[in-house]
Structures are given as structure tokens and as C-alpha cells.
All heavy atoms as atom14 arrays in JSON, in Angstrom:
{
  "sequence": "VTYACGPLGCVKLVVGEPVSFSYQGRRLKYYPVYDEP",
  "atom14_mask": [
    [1, 1, 1, 1, 1, 1, 1, 0, 0, 0, 0, 0, 0, 0],
    [1, 1, 1, 1, 1, 1, 1, 0, 0, 0, 0, 0, 0, 0],
    [1, 1, 1, 1, 1, 1, 1, 1, 1, 1, 1, 1, 0, 0],
    [1, 1, 1, 1, 1, 0, 0, 0, 0, 0, 0, 0, 0, 0],
    [1, 1, 1, 1, 1, 1, 0, 0, 0, 0, 0, 0, 0, 0],
    [1, 1, 1, 1, 0, 0, 0, 0, 0, 0, 0, 0, 0, 0],
    [1, 1, 1, 1, 1, 1, 1, 0, 0, 0, 0, 0, 0, 0],
    [1, 1, 1, 1, 1, 1, 1, 1, 0, 0, 0, 0, 0, 0],
    [1, 1, 1, 1, 0, 0, 0, 0, 0, 0, 0, 0, 0, 0],
    [1, 1, 1, 1, 1, 1, 0, 0, 0, 0, 0, 0, 0, 0],
    [1, 1, 1, 1, 1, 1, 1, 0, 0, 0, 0, 0, 0, 0],
    [1, 1, 1, 1, 1, 1, 1, 1, 1, 0, 0, 0, 0, 0],
    [1, 1, 1, 1, 1, 1, 1, 1, 0, 0, 0, 0, 0, 0],
    [1, 1, 1, 1, 1, 1, 1, 0, 0, 0, 0, 0, 0, 0],
    [1, 1, 1, 1, 1, 1, 1, 0, 0, 0, 0, 0, 0, 0],
    [1, 1, 1, 1, 0, 0, 0, 0, 0, 0, 0, 0, 0, 0],
    [1, 1, 1, 1, 1, 1, 1, 1, 1, 0, 0, 0, 0, 0],
    [1, 1, 1, 1, 1, 1, 1, 0, 0, 0, 0, 0, 0, 0],
    [1, 1, 1, 1, 1, 1, 1, 0, 0, 0, 0, 0, 0, 0],
    [1, 1, 1, 1, 1, 1, 0, 0, 0, 0, 0, 0, 0, 0],
    [1, 1, 1, 1, 1, 1, 1, 1, 1, 1, 1, 0, 0, 0],
    [1, 1, 1, 1, 1, 1, 0, 0, 0, 0, 0, 0, 0, 0],
    [1, 1, 1, 1, 1, 1, 1, 1, 1, 1, 1, 1, 0, 0],
    [1, 1, 1, 1, 1, 1, 1, 1, 1, 0, 0, 0, 0, 0],
    [1, 1, 1, 1, 0, 0, 0, 0, 0, 0, 0, 0, 0, 0],
    [1, 1, 1, 1, 1, 1, 1, 1, 1, 1, 1, 0, 0, 0],
    [1, 1, 1, 1, 1, 1, 1, 1, 1, 1, 1, 0, 0, 0],
    [1, 1, 1, 1, 1, 1, 1, 1, 0, 0, 0, 0, 0, 0],
    [1, 1, 1, 1, 1, 1, 1, 1, 1, 0, 0, 0, 0, 0],
    [1, 1, 1, 1, 1, 1, 1, 1, 1, 1, 1, 1, 0, 0],
    [1, 1, 1, 1, 1, 1, 1, 1, 1, 1, 1, 1, 0, 0],
    [1, 1, 1, 1, 1, 1, 1, 0, 0, 0, 0, 0, 0, 0],
    [1, 1, 1, 1, 1, 1, 1, 0, 0, 0, 0, 0, 0, 0],
    [1, 1, 1, 1, 1, 1, 1, 1, 1, 1, 1, 1, 0, 0],
    [1, 1, 1, 1, 1, 1, 1, 1, 0, 0, 0, 0, 0, 0],
    [1, 1, 1, 1, 1, 1, 1, 1, 1, 0, 0, 0, 0, 0],
    [1, 1, 1, 1, 1, 1, 1, 0, 0, 0, 0, 0, 0, 0]
  ],
  "atom14_positions": [
    [[22.47, -17.58, 29.97], [23.86, -17.37, 30.38], [23.9, -16.61, 31.7], [24.62, -16.98, 32.64], [24.64, -16.59, 29.3], [26.03, -16.2, 29.82], [24.77, -17.41, 28.03], [0.0, 0.0, 0.0], [0.0, 0.0, 0.0], [0.0, 0.0, 0.0], [0.0, 0.0, 0.0], [0.0, 0.0, 0.0], [0.0, 0.0, 0.0], [0.0, 0.0, 0.0]],
    [[23.12, -15.54, 31.79], [23.07, -14.74, 33.02], [22.58, -15.57, 34.19], [23.11, -15.47, 35.3], [22.14, -13.52, 32.81], [22.63, -12.74, 31.71], [22.11, -12.66, 34.06], [0.0, 0.0, 0.0], [0.0, 0.0, 0.0], [0.0, 0.0, 0.0], [0.0, 0.0, 0.0], [0.0, 0.0, 0.0], [0.0, 0.0, 0.0], [0.0, 0.0, 0.0]],
    [[21.58, -16.4, 33.95], [21.03, -17.25, 34.99], [22.06, -18.27, 35.47], [22.28, -18.45, 36.67], [19.79, -17.97, 34.45], [19.03, -18.78, 35.46], [17.91, -18.25, 36.09], [19.41, -20.08, 35.78], [17.18, -19.0, 37.01], [18.7, -20.83, 36.71], [17.59, -20.28, 37.31], [16.89, -21.02, 38.23], [0.0, 0.0, 0.0], [0.0, 0.0, 0.0]],
    [[22.71, -18.95, 34.51], [23.67, -19.99, 34.86], [24.88, -19.44, 35.58], [25.49, -20.12, 36.41], [24.12, -20.73, 33.59], [0.0, 0.0, 0.0], [0.0, 0.0, 0.0], [0.0, 0.0, 0.0], [0.0, 0.0, 0.0], [0.0, 0.0, 0.0], [0.0, 0.0, 0.0], [0.0, 0.0, 0.0], [0.0, 0.0, 0.0], [0.0, 0.0, 0.0]],
    [[25.24, -18.19, 35.29], [26.42, -17.58, 35.92], [26.06, -16.65, 37.06], [26.94, -16.01, 37.65], [27.24, -16.83, 34.87], [27.93, -17.91, 33.59], [0.0, 0.0, 0.0], [0.0, 0.0, 0.0], [0.0, 0.0, 0.0], [0.0, 0.0, 0.0], [0.0, 0.0, 0.0], [0.0, 0.0, 0.0], [0.0, 0.0, 0.0], [0.0, 0.0, 0.0]],
    [[24.78, -16.55, 37.38], [24.33, -15.68, 38.46], [24.98, -15.96, 39.8], [25.3, -15.03, 40.55], [0.0, 0.0, 0.0], [0.0, 0.0, 0.0], [0.0, 0.0, 0.0], [0.0, 0.0, 0.0], [0.0, 0.0, 0.0], [0.0, 0.0, 0.0], [0.0, 0.0, 0.0], [0.0, 0.0, 0.0], [0.0, 0.0, 0.0], [0.0, 0.0, 0.0]],
    [[25.22, -17.25, 40.18], [25.83, -17.55, 41.47], [27.24, -16.98, 41.66], [27.79, -17.07, 42.76], [25.86, -19.09, 41.49], [24.73, -19.5, 40.6], [24.74, -18.48, 39.51], [0.0, 0.0, 0.0], [0.0, 0.0, 0.0], [0.0, 0.0, 0.0], [0.0, 0.0, 0.0], [0.0, 0.0, 0.0], [0.0, 0.0, 0.0], [0.0, 0.0, 0.0]],
    [[27.84, -16.43, 40.61], [29.17, -15.83, 40.75], [29.17, -14.66, 41.73], [30.18, -14.35, 42.34], [29.67, -15.34, 39.38], [30.14, -16.41, 38.39], [30.33, -15.8, 37.01], [31.43, -17.06, 38.88], [0.0, 0.0, 0.0], [0.0, 0.0, 0.0], [0.0, 0.0, 0.0], [0.0, 0.0, 0.0], [0.0, 0.0, 0.0], [0.0, 0.0, 0.0]],
    [[28.02, -13.99, 41.87], [27.94, -12.85, 42.78], [28.77, -11.67, 42.33], [29.42, -11.0, 43.15], [0.0, 0.0, 0.0], [0.0, 0.0, 0.0], [0.0, 0.0, 0.0], [0.0, 0.0, 0.0], [0.0, 0.0, 0.0], [0.0, 0.0, 0.0], [0.0, 0.0, 0.0], [0.0, 0.0, 0.0], [0.0, 0.0, 0.0], [0.0, 0.0, 0.0]],
    [[28.76, -11.39, 41.03], [29.56, -10.29, 40.48], [28.98, -8.94, 40.89], [27.78, -8.81, 41.15], [29.6, -10.37, 38.96], [30.4, -11.84, 38.31], [0.0, 0.0, 0.0], [0.0, 0.0, 0.0], [0.0, 0.0, 0.0], [0.0, 0.0, 0.0], [0.0, 0.0, 0.0], [0.0, 0.0, 0.0], [0.0, 0.0, 0.0], [0.0, 0.0, 0.0]],
    [[29.87, -7.94, 40.94], [29.41, -6.56, 41.14], [28.48, -6.18, 40.0], [27.39, -5.67, 40.2], [30.61, -5.59, 41.22], [30.12, -4.15, 41.31], [31.5, -5.93, 42.41], [0.0, 0.0, 0.0], [0.0, 0.0, 0.0], [0.0, 0.0, 0.0], [0.0, 0.0, 0.0], [0.0, 0.0, 0.0], [0.0, 0.0, 0.0], [0.0, 0.0, 0.0]],
    [[28.94, -6.45, 38.79], [28.12, -6.23, 37.6], [28.47, -7.32, 36.6], [29.54, -7.3, 36.01], [28.37, -4.85, 36.99], [27.51, -4.57, 35.75], [27.82, -3.21, 35.17], [26.99, -2.94, 33.91], [27.32, -1.62, 33.3], [0.0, 0.0, 0.0], [0.0, 0.0, 0.0], [0.0, 0.0, 0.0], [0.0, 0.0, 0.0], [0.0, 0.0, 0.0]],
    [[27.57, -8.26, 36.42], [27.81, -9.37, 35.5], [27.58, -8.9, 34.07], [26.52, -8.37, 33.75], [26.89, -10.54, 35.84], [27.15, -11.86, 35.11], [26.78, -13.05, 36.01], [26.36, -11.94, 33.81], [0.0, 0.0, 0.0], [0.0, 0.0, 0.0], [0.0, 0.0, 0.0], [0.0, 0.0, 0.0], [0.0, 0.0, 0.0], [0.0, 0.0, 0.0]],
    [[28.58, -9.11, 33.23], [28.5, -8.7, 31.83], [28.79, -9.9, 30.94], [29.82, -10.57, 31.1], [29.52, -7.58, 31.52], [29.49, -7.23, 30.03], [29.23, -6.35, 32.36], [0.0, 0.0, 0.0], [0.0, 0.0, 0.0], [0.0, 0.0, 0.0], [0.0, 0.0, 0.0], [0.0, 0.0, 0.0], [0.0, 0.0, 0.0], [0.0, 0.0, 0.0]],
    [[27.88, -10.18, 30.02], [28.07, -11.26, 29.05], [28.77, -10.69, 27.83], [28.29, -9.75, 27.2], [26.73, -11.89, 28.65], [26.97, -13.02, 27.64], [26.0, -12.42, 29.87], [0.0, 0.0, 0.0], [0.0, 0.0, 0.0], [0.0, 0.0, 0.0], [0.0, 0.0, 0.0], [0.0, 0.0, 0.0], [0.0, 0.0, 0.0], [0.0, 0.0, 0.0]],
    [[29.94, -11.24, 27.51], [30.7, -10.76, 26.37], [30.12, -11.22, 25.04], [29.14, -11.99, 25.0], [0.0, 0.0, 0.0], [0.0, 0.0, 0.0], [0.0, 0.0, 0.0], [0.0, 0.0, 0.0], [0.0, 0.0, 0.0], [0.0, 0.0, 0.0], [0.0, 0.0, 0.0], [0.0, 0.0, 0.0], [0.0, 0.0, 0.0], [0.0, 0.0, 0.0]],
    [[30.72, -10.75, 23.98], [30.28, -11.15, 22.64], [30.49, -12.65, 22.44], [31.51, -13.2, 22.86], [31.06, -10.38, 21.57], [30.7, -8.91, 21.48], [29.27, -8.7, 21.02], [28.82, -9.45, 20.12], [28.6, -7.81, 21.56], [0.0, 0.0, 0.0], [0.0, 0.0, 0.0], [0.0, 0.0, 0.0], [0.0, 0.0, 0.0], [0.0, 0.0, 0.0]],
    [[29.53, -13.33, 21.84], [29.7, -14.77, 21.61], [30.87, -15.06, 20.69], [31.15, -14.3, 19.76], [28.36, -15.18, 20.98], [27.83, -13.93, 20.37], [28.26, -12.82, 21.28], [0.0, 0.0, 0.0], [0.0, 0.0, 0.0], [0.0, 0.0, 0.0], [0.0, 0.0, 0.0], [0.0, 0.0, 0.0], [0.0, 0.0, 0.0], [0.0, 0.0, 0.0]],
    [[31.54, -16.17, 20.96], [32.7, -16.58, 20.16], [32.31, -17.84, 19.39], [31.89, -18.84, 19.98], [33.92, -16.87, 21.05], [35.11, -17.29, 20.2], [34.27, -15.63, 21.89], [0.0, 0.0, 0.0], [0.0, 0.0, 0.0], [0.0, 0.0, 0.0], [0.0, 0.0, 0.0], [0.0, 0.0, 0.0], [0.0, 0.0, 0.0], [0.0, 0.0, 0.0]],
    [[32.44, -17.79, 18.08], [32.09, -18.94, 17.24], [33.26, -19.92, 17.14], [34.43, -19.51, 17.14], [31.69, -18.48, 15.84], [30.54, -17.68, 15.88], [0.0, 0.0, 0.0], [0.0, 0.0, 0.0], [0.0, 0.0, 0.0], [0.0, 0.0, 0.0], [0.0, 0.0, 0.0], [0.0, 0.0, 0.0], [0.0, 0.0, 0.0], [0.0, 0.0, 0.0]],
    [[32.94, -21.2, 17.06], [33.98, -22.21, 16.89], [33.36, -23.43, 16.2], [32.14, -23.58, 16.15], [34.59, -22.62, 18.24], [33.63, -23.29, 19.19], [33.61, -24.67, 19.33], [32.75, -22.54, 19.95], [32.73, -25.29, 20.21], [31.87, -23.14, 20.84], [31.86, -24.52, 20.96], [0.0, 0.0, 0.0], [0.0, 0.0, 0.0], [0.0, 0.0, 0.0]],
    [[34.23, -24.26, 15.65], [33.78, -25.46, 14.94], [33.93, -26.66, 15.86], [34.98, -26.84, 16.51], [34.61, -25.65, 13.68], [34.2, -26.81, 12.99], [0.0, 0.0, 0.0], [0.0, 0.0, 0.0], [0.0, 0.0, 0.0], [0.0, 0.0, 0.0], [0.0, 0.0, 0.0], [0.0, 0.0, 0.0], [0.0, 0.0, 0.0], [0.0, 0.0, 0.0]],
    [[32.87, -27.49, 15.93], [32.9, -28.66, 16.8], [32.11, -29.78, 16.14], [30.91, -29.65, 15.93], [32.31, -28.32, 18.17], [32.3, -29.48, 19.15], [33.48, -29.91, 19.75], [31.11, -30.12, 19.47], [33.47, -30.96, 20.66], [31.09, -31.17, 20.37], [32.28, -31.6, 20.96], [32.27, -32.64, 21.86], [0.0, 0.0, 0.0], [0.0, 0.0, 0.0]],
    [[32.8, -30.85, 15.81], [32.18, -32.02, 15.19], [31.32, -31.65, 13.99], [30.18, -32.1, 13.85], [31.35, -32.78, 16.24], [32.19, -33.35, 17.37], [31.38, -34.16, 18.37], [30.15, -34.19, 18.32], [32.05, -34.82, 19.29], [0.0, 0.0, 0.0], [0.0, 0.0, 0.0], [0.0, 0.0, 0.0], [0.0, 0.0, 0.0], [0.0, 0.0, 0.0]],
    [[31.86, -30.8, 13.14], [31.19, -30.42, 11.91], [30.1, -29.38, 12.07], [29.36, -29.11, 11.12], [0.0, 0.0, 0.0], [0.0, 0.0, 0.0], [0.0, 0.0, 0.0], [0.0, 0.0, 0.0], [0.0, 0.0, 0.0], [0.0, 0.0, 0.0], [0.0, 0.0, 0.0], [0.0, 0.0, 0.0], [0.0, 0.0, 0.0], [0.0, 0.0, 0.0]],
    [[29.96, -28.79, 13.26], [28.92, -27.79, 13.51], [29.57, -26.48, 13.93], [30.64, -26.45, 14.53], [27.98, -28.27, 14.63], [27.29, -29.56, 14.34], [26.64, -30.13, 15.59], [25.6, -29.24, 16.11], [25.0, -29.41, 17.28], [25.35, -30.43, 18.06], [24.07, -28.57, 17.69], [0.0, 0.0, 0.0], [0.0, 0.0, 0.0], [0.0, 0.0, 0.0]],
    [[28.9, -25.37, 13.6], [29.34, -24.06, 14.06], [28.57, -23.73, 15.34], [27.34, -23.63, 15.34], [29.08, -22.98, 13.01], [29.91, -23.11, 11.76], [31.41, -23.04, 12.03], [31.8, -21.77, 12.62], [33.03, -21.51, 13.06], [33.97, -22.44, 13.02], [33.31, -20.32, 13.57], [0.0, 0.0, 0.0], [0.0, 0.0, 0.0], [0.0, 0.0, 0.0]],
    [[29.29, -23.58, 16.43], [28.69, -23.33, 17.73], [29.25, -22.04, 18.33], [30.13, -21.41, 17.76], [28.96, -24.51, 18.66], [28.51, -25.89, 18.16], [28.99, -26.98, 19.1], [26.99, -25.93, 18.02], [0.0, 0.0, 0.0], [0.0, 0.0, 0.0], [0.0, 0.0, 0.0], [0.0, 0.0, 0.0], [0.0, 0.0, 0.0], [0.0, 0.0, 0.0]],
    [[28.72, -21.68, 19.5], [29.17, -20.45, 20.16], [29.33, -20.7, 21.66], [28.62, -21.51, 22.25], [28.16, -19.32, 19.95], [28.02, -18.85, 18.51], [26.97, -17.74, 18.41], [26.82, -17.28, 16.96], [25.79, -16.21, 16.83], [0.0, 0.0, 0.0], [0.0, 0.0, 0.0], [0.0, 0.0, 0.0], [0.0, 0.0, 0.0], [0.0, 0.0, 0.0]],
    [[30.28, -19.98, 22.24], [30.37, -19.92, 23.7], [30.42, -18.46, 24.11], [30.66, -17.56, 23.29], [31.56, -20.71, 24.24], [32.92, -20.09, 23.98], [33.46, -19.14, 24.85], [33.7, -20.48, 22.89], [34.71, -18.59, 24.63], [34.95, -19.93, 22.65], [35.45, -18.99, 23.53], [36.68, -18.44, 23.29], [0.0, 0.0, 0.0], [0.0, 0.0, 0.0]],
    [[30.18, -18.22, 25.4], [30.06, -16.85, 25.88], [31.0, -16.6, 27.06], [30.91, -17.27, 28.09], [28.62, -16.58, 26.34], [27.6, -16.74, 25.24], [27.15, -18.0, 24.86], [27.09, -15.63, 24.57], [26.23, -18.15, 23.83], [26.17, -15.78, 23.54], [25.75, -17.05, 23.18], [24.84, -17.2, 22.16], [0.0, 0.0, 0.0], [0.0, 0.0, 0.0]],
    [[31.92, -15.64, 26.92], [32.73, -15.25, 28.08], [31.89, -14.36, 29.0], [31.06, -13.57, 28.53], [33.89, -14.46, 27.45], [33.33, -13.93, 26.17], [32.32, -14.93, 25.7], [0.0, 0.0, 0.0], [0.0, 0.0, 0.0], [0.0, 0.0, 0.0], [0.0, 0.0, 0.0], [0.0, 0.0, 0.0], [0.0, 0.0, 0.0], [0.0, 0.0, 0.0]],
    [[32.07, -14.53, 30.29], [31.29, -13.77, 31.27], [32.26, -13.03, 32.19], [33.21, -13.63, 32.72], [30.39, -14.71, 32.1], [29.6, -13.92, 33.14], [29.42, -15.45, 31.17], [0.0, 0.0, 0.0], [0.0, 0.0, 0.0], [0.0, 0.0, 0.0], [0.0, 0.0, 0.0], [0.0, 0.0, 0.0], [0.0, 0.0, 0.0], [0.0, 0.0, 0.0]],
    [[32.01, -11.74, 32.39], [32.93, -10.89, 33.14], [32.26, -10.26, 34.35], [31.03, -10.09, 34.4], [33.45, -9.75, 32.24], [34.14, -10.21, 30.98], [33.42, -10.38, 29.79], [35.5, -10.47, 30.96], [34.04, -10.81, 28.62], [36.14, -10.88, 29.79], [35.4, -11.05, 28.63], [36.02, -11.45, 27.48], [0.0, 0.0, 0.0], [0.0, 0.0, 0.0]],
    [[33.11, -9.88, 35.31], [32.68, -9.02, 36.41], [33.23, -7.63, 36.1], [34.43, -7.47, 35.88], [33.24, -9.53, 37.74], [32.71, -8.72, 38.93], [31.83, -7.87, 38.71], [33.18, -8.95, 40.05], [0.0, 0.0, 0.0], [0.0, 0.0, 0.0], [0.0, 0.0, 0.0], [0.0, 0.0, 0.0], [0.0, 0.0, 0.0], [0.0, 0.0, 0.0]],
    [[32.35, -6.66, 36.03], [32.75, -5.31, 35.67], [32.5, -4.37, 36.85], [31.4, -3.84, 37.02], [31.96, -4.84, 34.44], [32.48, -3.55, 33.83], [31.83, -3.26, 32.5], [32.33, -3.75, 31.46], [30.8, -2.56, 32.51], [0.0, 0.0, 0.0], [0.0, 0.0, 0.0], [0.0, 0.0, 0.0], [0.0, 0.0, 0.0], [0.0, 0.0, 0.0]],
    [[33.53, -4.14, 37.69], [33.37, -3.25, 38.84], [33.25, -1.8, 38.4], [33.52, -1.45, 37.24], [34.66, -3.48, 39.64], [35.66, -3.91, 38.61], [34.89, -4.68, 37.58], [0.0, 0.0, 0.0], [0.0, 0.0, 0.0], [0.0, 0.0, 0.0], [0.0, 0.0, 0.0], [0.0, 0.0, 0.0], [0.0, 0.0, 0.0], [0.0, 0.0, 0.0]]
  ]
}
């Protein structure tokens, strides 16, 4: 996640808590990514 979002050039890149969701019968996760000045 940090690598894929590295080009954002954040002051401080912070990966938030993963969020679970249901998709096509599977439990998956996505990750919100923040800039924390």
C-alpha cells in the first residue's frame, strides 16, 4: 500500500485501518491512505 501510494508525495503518508467489505461472495479489504501534516 505504501509503495503503490508513494508517488502522492505526502508530508507523512499514513495507512488507515483496513475496511472490510463483501464482494462476489468474498470478504475483502481496502485501505484508506492519508497525508498527515
